[in-house]
Amino acid sequence: MAQKDLIISEKDGTLTFGDYTLEEKTKVKDFKYKGDLLYVKSYKTTTKLEKNDLFVYESEPGTRVSHMKYDDSSLSFQVEGNANTDITVGLSPETEYQVSAAGEDYGVMKTNLGGKITLSIDLSDGKPKSVSIRKD
């Protein structure tokens, strides 16, 4: 994968980023998307996305996220990888969200003071899994 493909604005307006197969850290800074500047860093052990220097997404180990769509009340995306993966997303602080991932309902989760929620998803089968997070 070329560095320019590490983050892509899709024709449908969604965002695709990350590459869990990379052996070395690869970064893209100042990617313009919907008036924001994005930063992505990805390789086999982690994938991270920031928007205007604010935390949006991090996975350990690394992942490939496709068709990410977000607004003030929801976040959804497809994620793929090759292991059991911890995913942390940045949302509004101390807010309740309805969370589902990989066909499983995680129920209502409340963000911490920093606005983060962490969930674990088994991606070891190599198939993309859907994640949906919306304000309750």
N, C-alpha and C. Protein backbone atom coordinates (compact mmCIF):
# COMPACT_ATOMS: atom_id res chain seq x y z
N MET A 1 0.84 -1.18 0.00
CA MET A 1 0.00 0.00 0.00
C MET A 1 0.88 1.24 0.00
N ALA A 2 0.58 2.14 -0.87
CA ALA A 2 1.33 3.39 -0.93
C ALA A 2 0.90 4.30 0.21
N GLN A 3 1.79 5.17 0.62
CA GLN A 3 1.48 6.07 1.73
C GLN A 3 0.24 6.91 1.41
N LYS A 4 0.06 7.28 0.16
CA LYS A 4 -1.10 8.10 -0.20
C LYS A 4 -2.41 7.33 0.01
N ASP A 5 -2.35 6.01 0.05
CA ASP A 5 -3.54 5.19 0.26
C ASP A 5 -3.80 4.90 1.74
N LEU A 6 -2.98 5.43 2.63
CA LEU A 6 -3.15 5.19 4.06
C LEU A 6 -4.41 5.86 4.58
N ILE A 7 -4.86 6.91 3.87
CA ILE A 7 -6.11 7.58 4.22
C ILE A 7 -6.76 8.06 2.93
N ILE A 8 -8.06 7.77 2.79
CA ILE A 8 -8.78 8.06 1.55
C ILE A 8 -10.15 8.63 1.89
N SER A 9 -10.55 9.66 1.18
CA SER A 9 -11.92 10.15 1.24
C SER A 9 -12.68 9.42 0.14
N GLU A 10 -13.66 8.61 0.53
CA GLU A 10 -14.41 7.80 -0.43
C GLU A 10 -15.42 8.66 -1.20
N LYS A 11 -15.86 8.15 -2.35
CA LYS A 11 -16.83 8.87 -3.18
C LYS A 11 -18.14 9.11 -2.45
N ASP A 12 -18.50 8.24 -1.48
CA ASP A 12 -19.74 8.41 -0.73
C ASP A 12 -19.59 9.38 0.44
N GLY A 13 -18.41 10.02 0.55
CA GLY A 13 -18.18 11.01 1.61
C GLY A 13 -17.63 10.43 2.90
N THR A 14 -17.46 9.12 2.97
CA THR A 14 -16.92 8.49 4.17
C THR A 14 -15.40 8.45 4.11
N LEU A 15 -14.79 7.98 5.18
CA LEU A 15 -13.34 7.98 5.31
C LEU A 15 -12.82 6.55 5.47
N THR A 16 -11.74 6.23 4.79
CA THR A 16 -11.07 4.93 4.93
C THR A 16 -9.61 5.20 5.29
N PHE A 17 -9.10 4.45 6.30
CA PHE A 17 -7.72 4.69 6.73
C PHE A 17 -7.15 3.45 7.43
N GLY A 18 -5.82 3.42 7.53
CA GLY A 18 -5.11 2.39 8.28
C GLY A 18 -4.65 1.23 7.42
N ASP A 19 -3.64 0.52 7.93
CA ASP A 19 -3.13 -0.70 7.28
C ASP A 19 -2.40 -1.54 8.32
N TYR A 20 -3.07 -2.61 8.76
CA TYR A 20 -2.52 -3.48 9.80
C TYR A 20 -1.45 -4.44 9.29
N THR A 21 -1.13 -4.40 8.00
CA THR A 21 -0.11 -5.30 7.46
C THR A 21 1.27 -4.65 7.40
N LEU A 22 1.36 -3.35 7.67
CA LEU A 22 2.64 -2.65 7.58
C LEU A 22 3.58 -3.05 8.71
N GLU A 23 4.84 -3.28 8.38
CA GLU A 23 5.86 -3.63 9.37
C GLU A 23 6.43 -2.39 10.05
N GLU A 24 6.41 -1.24 9.36
CA GLU A 24 6.96 -0.01 9.91
C GLU A 24 5.87 1.04 10.02
N LYS A 25 6.02 1.93 11.02
CA LYS A 25 5.06 3.02 11.20
C LYS A 25 5.01 3.86 9.93
N THR A 26 3.80 4.13 9.49
CA THR A 26 3.59 5.00 8.34
C THR A 26 2.60 6.06 8.75
N LYS A 27 2.88 7.31 8.37
CA LYS A 27 2.05 8.43 8.81
C LYS A 27 1.65 9.30 7.63
N VAL A 28 0.47 9.90 7.76
CA VAL A 28 0.04 10.95 6.84
C VAL A 28 -0.46 12.10 7.71
N LYS A 29 0.10 13.29 7.50
CA LYS A 29 -0.29 14.48 8.26
C LYS A 29 -1.05 15.44 7.36
N ASP A 30 -1.91 16.24 7.98
CA ASP A 30 -2.62 17.33 7.30
C ASP A 30 -3.43 16.87 6.09
N PHE A 31 -4.11 15.73 6.23
CA PHE A 31 -5.02 15.26 5.19
C PHE A 31 -6.31 16.06 5.33
N LYS A 32 -6.72 16.74 4.27
CA LYS A 32 -7.91 17.59 4.34
C LYS A 32 -9.17 16.76 4.09
N TYR A 33 -10.12 16.89 5.04
CA TYR A 33 -11.37 16.14 4.95
C TYR A 33 -12.49 16.96 5.60
N LYS A 34 -13.45 17.39 4.79
CA LYS A 34 -14.62 18.13 5.26
C LYS A 34 -14.24 19.32 6.14
N GLY A 35 -13.23 20.06 5.72
CA GLY A 35 -12.81 21.25 6.45
C GLY A 35 -11.91 20.99 7.64
N ASP A 36 -11.60 19.73 7.90
CA ASP A 36 -10.73 19.36 9.02
C ASP A 36 -9.38 18.88 8.50
N LEU A 37 -8.38 18.92 9.39
CA LEU A 37 -7.07 18.34 9.09
C LEU A 37 -6.93 17.06 9.88
N LEU A 38 -6.68 15.96 9.18
CA LEU A 38 -6.56 14.65 9.81
C LEU A 38 -5.11 14.19 9.81
N TYR A 39 -4.80 13.38 10.83
CA TYR A 39 -3.49 12.76 10.96
C TYR A 39 -3.74 11.27 11.20
N VAL A 40 -3.09 10.43 10.43
CA VAL A 40 -3.21 8.99 10.64
C VAL A 40 -1.82 8.38 10.76
N LYS A 41 -1.71 7.42 11.68
CA LYS A 41 -0.49 6.64 11.85
C LYS A 41 -0.94 5.19 11.91
N SER A 42 -0.28 4.32 11.16
CA SER A 42 -0.72 2.93 11.17
C SER A 42 0.44 1.99 10.87
N TYR A 43 0.36 0.84 11.49
CA TYR A 43 1.21 -0.30 11.18
C TYR A 43 0.65 -1.50 11.94
N LYS A 44 1.39 -2.60 12.00
CA LYS A 44 0.80 -3.84 12.52
C LYS A 44 0.39 -3.77 13.99
N THR A 45 1.01 -2.91 14.82
CA THR A 45 0.68 -2.91 16.24
C THR A 45 -0.31 -1.83 16.66
N THR A 46 -0.52 -0.80 15.82
CA THR A 46 -1.49 0.24 16.18
C THR A 46 -1.95 1.02 14.96
N THR A 47 -3.16 1.51 15.04
CA THR A 47 -3.68 2.45 14.05
C THR A 47 -4.31 3.59 14.84
N LYS A 48 -4.00 4.83 14.45
CA LYS A 48 -4.50 5.99 15.18
C LYS A 48 -4.96 7.07 14.21
N LEU A 49 -6.07 7.74 14.55
CA LEU A 49 -6.59 8.85 13.75
C LEU A 49 -6.87 10.02 14.67
N GLU A 50 -6.41 11.21 14.26
CA GLU A 50 -6.70 12.45 14.96
C GLU A 50 -7.33 13.43 13.98
N LYS A 51 -8.23 14.28 14.50
CA LYS A 51 -8.88 15.32 13.70
C LYS A 51 -8.60 16.65 14.38
N ASN A 52 -7.93 17.55 13.67
CA ASN A 52 -7.57 18.87 14.22
C ASN A 52 -6.86 18.71 15.58
N ASP A 53 -5.93 17.76 15.64
CA ASP A 53 -5.13 17.46 16.84
C ASP A 53 -5.93 16.86 17.99
N LEU A 54 -7.15 16.42 17.75
CA LEU A 54 -7.97 15.78 18.77
C LEU A 54 -8.13 14.30 18.46
N PHE A 55 -8.12 13.49 19.49
CA PHE A 55 -8.24 12.03 19.36
C PHE A 55 -9.58 11.63 18.74
N VAL A 56 -9.55 10.71 17.77
CA VAL A 56 -10.77 10.17 17.16
C VAL A 56 -10.83 8.65 17.33
N TYR A 57 -9.71 7.94 17.01
CA TYR A 57 -9.73 6.48 16.93
C TYR A 57 -8.34 5.93 17.20
N GLU A 58 -8.31 4.80 17.92
CA GLU A 58 -7.06 4.07 18.08
C GLU A 58 -7.38 2.59 18.25
N SER A 59 -6.59 1.75 17.60
CA SER A 59 -6.75 0.30 17.78
C SER A 59 -5.41 -0.33 18.07
N GLU A 60 -5.46 -1.37 18.90
CA GLU A 60 -4.28 -2.18 19.19
C GLU A 60 -4.69 -3.64 19.12
N PRO A 61 -4.13 -4.43 18.24
CA PRO A 61 -3.15 -4.08 17.21
C PRO A 61 -3.80 -3.24 16.11
N GLY A 62 -3.02 -2.97 15.05
CA GLY A 62 -3.49 -2.12 13.95
C GLY A 62 -4.69 -2.71 13.22
N THR A 63 -5.41 -1.83 12.54
CA THR A 63 -6.61 -2.21 11.78
C THR A 63 -6.67 -1.42 10.49
N ARG A 64 -7.63 -1.80 9.66
CA ARG A 64 -8.03 -1.03 8.47
C ARG A 64 -9.47 -0.64 8.71
N VAL A 65 -9.76 0.65 8.72
CA VAL A 65 -11.11 1.17 8.94
C VAL A 65 -11.64 1.67 7.60
N SER A 66 -12.84 1.25 7.26
CA SER A 66 -13.42 1.73 6.00
C SER A 66 -14.80 2.31 6.24
N HIS A 67 -15.12 3.24 5.39
CA HIS A 67 -16.44 3.90 5.37
C HIS A 67 -16.84 4.48 6.72
N MET A 68 -15.86 5.12 7.40
CA MET A 68 -16.17 5.79 8.67
C MET A 68 -17.01 7.03 8.37
N LYS A 69 -18.10 7.13 9.13
CA LYS A 69 -19.00 8.26 9.01
C LYS A 69 -19.28 8.75 10.43
N TYR A 70 -19.16 10.05 10.65
CA TYR A 70 -19.41 10.56 11.99
C TYR A 70 -20.07 11.94 11.92
N ASP A 71 -20.83 12.23 12.96
CA ASP A 71 -21.40 13.56 13.17
C ASP A 71 -21.49 13.76 14.68
N ASP A 72 -22.24 14.75 15.12
CA ASP A 72 -22.30 15.06 16.55
C ASP A 72 -22.99 13.99 17.38
N SER A 73 -23.78 13.12 16.75
CA SER A 73 -24.53 12.14 17.54
C SER A 73 -24.23 10.68 17.21
N SER A 74 -23.40 10.41 16.20
CA SER A 74 -23.13 9.01 15.86
C SER A 74 -21.79 8.83 15.16
N LEU A 75 -21.35 7.57 15.19
CA LEU A 75 -20.10 7.16 14.54
C LEU A 75 -20.32 5.74 14.05
N SER A 76 -20.01 5.49 12.79
CA SER A 76 -20.12 4.12 12.27
C SER A 76 -18.98 3.86 11.29
N PHE A 77 -18.57 2.58 11.22
CA PHE A 77 -17.49 2.19 10.33
C PHE A 77 -17.41 0.67 10.23
N GLN A 78 -16.66 0.21 9.24
CA GLN A 78 -16.28 -1.18 9.09
C GLN A 78 -14.82 -1.28 9.54
N VAL A 79 -14.47 -2.36 10.24
CA VAL A 79 -13.09 -2.52 10.69
C VAL A 79 -12.63 -3.93 10.39
N GLU A 80 -11.38 -4.06 9.96
CA GLU A 80 -10.79 -5.38 9.76
C GLU A 80 -9.38 -5.41 10.31
N GLY A 81 -8.98 -6.60 10.68
CA GLY A 81 -7.65 -6.81 11.24
C GLY A 81 -7.35 -8.30 11.25
N ASN A 82 -6.44 -8.73 12.12
CA ASN A 82 -6.08 -10.15 12.14
C ASN A 82 -5.93 -10.71 13.55
N ALA A 83 -6.57 -10.05 14.54
CA ALA A 83 -6.43 -10.50 15.93
C ALA A 83 -7.58 -9.96 16.76
N ASN A 84 -7.65 -10.39 18.02
CA ASN A 84 -8.57 -9.77 18.96
C ASN A 84 -8.06 -8.35 19.18
N THR A 85 -8.93 -7.36 18.99
CA THR A 85 -8.49 -5.98 18.90
C THR A 85 -9.24 -5.08 19.89
N ASP A 86 -8.51 -4.21 20.57
CA ASP A 86 -9.12 -3.18 21.41
C ASP A 86 -9.21 -1.90 20.59
N ILE A 87 -10.41 -1.36 20.53
CA ILE A 87 -10.66 -0.12 19.78
C ILE A 87 -11.16 0.93 20.75
N THR A 88 -10.52 2.10 20.72
CA THR A 88 -10.94 3.23 21.53
C THR A 88 -11.33 4.36 20.59
N VAL A 89 -12.49 4.96 20.86
CA VAL A 89 -12.95 6.08 20.04
C VAL A 89 -13.20 7.29 20.93
N GLY A 90 -13.00 8.46 20.36
CA GLY A 90 -13.22 9.71 21.07
C GLY A 90 -14.57 10.30 20.71
N LEU A 91 -15.39 10.56 21.73
CA LEU A 91 -16.73 11.10 21.54
C LEU A 91 -16.93 12.26 22.53
N SER A 92 -18.16 12.60 22.84
CA SER A 92 -18.44 13.65 23.82
C SER A 92 -18.20 13.12 25.23
N PRO A 93 -17.64 13.93 26.12
CA PRO A 93 -17.38 13.50 27.50
C PRO A 93 -18.66 13.19 28.27
N GLU A 94 -18.58 12.18 29.13
CA GLU A 94 -19.66 11.79 30.04
C GLU A 94 -21.03 11.76 29.37
N THR A 95 -21.09 11.04 28.25
CA THR A 95 -22.32 10.91 27.46
C THR A 95 -22.60 9.43 27.24
N GLU A 96 -23.88 9.06 27.24
CA GLU A 96 -24.26 7.67 27.01
C GLU A 96 -24.48 7.42 25.52
N TYR A 97 -23.96 6.29 25.06
CA TYR A 97 -24.06 5.89 23.66
C TYR A 97 -24.56 4.44 23.59
N GLN A 98 -25.37 4.15 22.58
CA GLN A 98 -25.78 2.79 22.26
C GLN A 98 -24.70 2.24 21.34
N VAL A 99 -24.11 1.09 21.70
CA VAL A 99 -22.97 0.56 20.96
C VAL A 99 -23.27 -0.85 20.46
N SER A 100 -22.97 -1.10 19.19
CA SER A 100 -23.03 -2.46 18.65
C SER A 100 -21.82 -2.67 17.75
N ALA A 101 -21.32 -3.90 17.76
CA ALA A 101 -20.13 -4.22 16.96
C ALA A 101 -20.14 -5.69 16.61
N ALA A 102 -19.78 -6.00 15.38
CA ALA A 102 -19.67 -7.38 14.92
C ALA A 102 -20.95 -8.18 15.20
N GLY A 103 -22.09 -7.52 15.02
CA GLY A 103 -23.36 -8.19 15.22
C GLY A 103 -23.76 -8.38 16.67
N GLU A 104 -22.97 -7.83 17.59
CA GLU A 104 -23.23 -7.97 19.02
C GLU A 104 -23.66 -6.63 19.60
N ASP A 105 -24.72 -6.63 20.40
CA ASP A 105 -25.18 -5.41 21.06
C ASP A 105 -24.42 -5.24 22.36
N TYR A 106 -23.63 -4.20 22.47
CA TYR A 106 -22.86 -3.92 23.68
C TYR A 106 -23.70 -3.14 24.69
N GLY A 107 -24.91 -2.73 24.29
CA GLY A 107 -25.78 -1.97 25.18
C GLY A 107 -25.34 -0.52 25.27
N VAL A 108 -25.74 0.13 26.35
CA VAL A 108 -25.40 1.53 26.57
C VAL A 108 -24.05 1.61 27.28
N MET A 109 -23.16 2.41 26.73
CA MET A 109 -21.85 2.66 27.34
C MET A 109 -21.72 4.16 27.54
N LYS A 110 -21.14 4.54 28.68
CA LYS A 110 -20.94 5.95 28.98
C LYS A 110 -19.47 6.30 28.81
N THR A 111 -19.22 7.41 28.12
CA THR A 111 -17.85 7.86 27.94
C THR A 111 -17.31 8.40 29.26
N ASN A 112 -15.99 8.39 29.37
CA ASN A 112 -15.34 8.93 30.56
C ASN A 112 -15.18 10.45 30.42
N LEU A 113 -14.49 11.07 31.36
CA LEU A 113 -14.27 12.52 31.31
C LEU A 113 -13.58 12.96 30.03
N GLY A 114 -12.74 12.09 29.47
CA GLY A 114 -12.04 12.40 28.23
C GLY A 114 -12.87 12.10 26.99
N GLY A 115 -14.07 11.56 27.17
CA GLY A 115 -14.96 11.28 26.05
C GLY A 115 -14.64 9.99 25.31
N LYS A 116 -13.98 9.05 25.97
CA LYS A 116 -13.56 7.82 25.28
C LYS A 116 -14.37 6.61 25.69
N ILE A 117 -14.57 5.73 24.72
CA ILE A 117 -15.16 4.40 24.92
C ILE A 117 -14.18 3.40 24.31
N THR A 118 -13.96 2.28 25.01
CA THR A 118 -13.11 1.21 24.48
C THR A 118 -13.92 -0.06 24.38
N LEU A 119 -13.78 -0.76 23.25
CA LEU A 119 -14.43 -2.05 23.09
C LEU A 119 -13.47 -3.03 22.44
N SER A 120 -13.71 -4.32 22.69
CA SER A 120 -12.88 -5.38 22.11
C SER A 120 -13.68 -6.10 21.05
N ILE A 121 -13.03 -6.36 19.91
CA ILE A 121 -13.67 -7.08 18.80
C ILE A 121 -12.69 -8.13 18.31
N ASP A 122 -13.19 -9.35 18.11
CA ASP A 122 -12.35 -10.41 17.56
C ASP A 122 -12.33 -10.28 16.04
N LEU A 123 -11.20 -9.88 15.50
CA LEU A 123 -11.03 -9.72 14.06
C LEU A 123 -10.14 -10.81 13.46
N SER A 124 -9.92 -11.88 14.22
CA SER A 124 -8.96 -12.91 13.80
C SER A 124 -9.40 -13.67 12.55
N ASP A 125 -10.69 -13.61 12.18
CA ASP A 125 -11.13 -14.30 10.98
C ASP A 125 -10.85 -13.51 9.70
N GLY A 126 -10.32 -12.27 9.84
CA GLY A 126 -9.96 -11.47 8.69
C GLY A 126 -11.12 -10.83 7.96
N LYS A 127 -12.35 -10.99 8.47
CA LYS A 127 -13.52 -10.42 7.81
C LYS A 127 -13.88 -9.08 8.43
N PRO A 128 -14.29 -8.11 7.60
CA PRO A 128 -14.68 -6.80 8.14
C PRO A 128 -15.88 -6.93 9.08
N LYS A 129 -15.87 -6.14 10.15
CA LYS A 129 -16.97 -6.12 11.11
C LYS A 129 -17.51 -4.69 11.19
N SER A 130 -18.81 -4.57 11.36
CA SER A 130 -19.46 -3.27 11.48
C SER A 130 -19.46 -2.80 12.92
N VAL A 131 -19.25 -1.49 13.11
CA VAL A 131 -19.34 -0.86 14.41
C VAL A 131 -20.29 0.32 14.29
N SER A 132 -21.23 0.42 15.22
CA SER A 132 -22.18 1.53 15.23
C SER A 132 -22.27 2.08 16.65
N ILE A 133 -22.09 3.39 16.78
CA ILE A 133 -22.14 4.07 18.07
C ILE A 133 -23.02 5.30 17.89
N ARG A 134 -24.09 5.40 18.69
CA ARG A 134 -24.97 6.56 18.57
C ARG A 134 -25.44 7.01 19.94
N LYS A 135 -25.67 8.32 20.07
CA LYS A 135 -26.14 8.86 21.34
C LYS A 135 -27.44 8.18 21.72
N ASP A 136 -27.53 7.80 22.99
CA ASP A 136 -28.70 7.10 23.49
C ASP A 136 -29.86 8.05 23.69
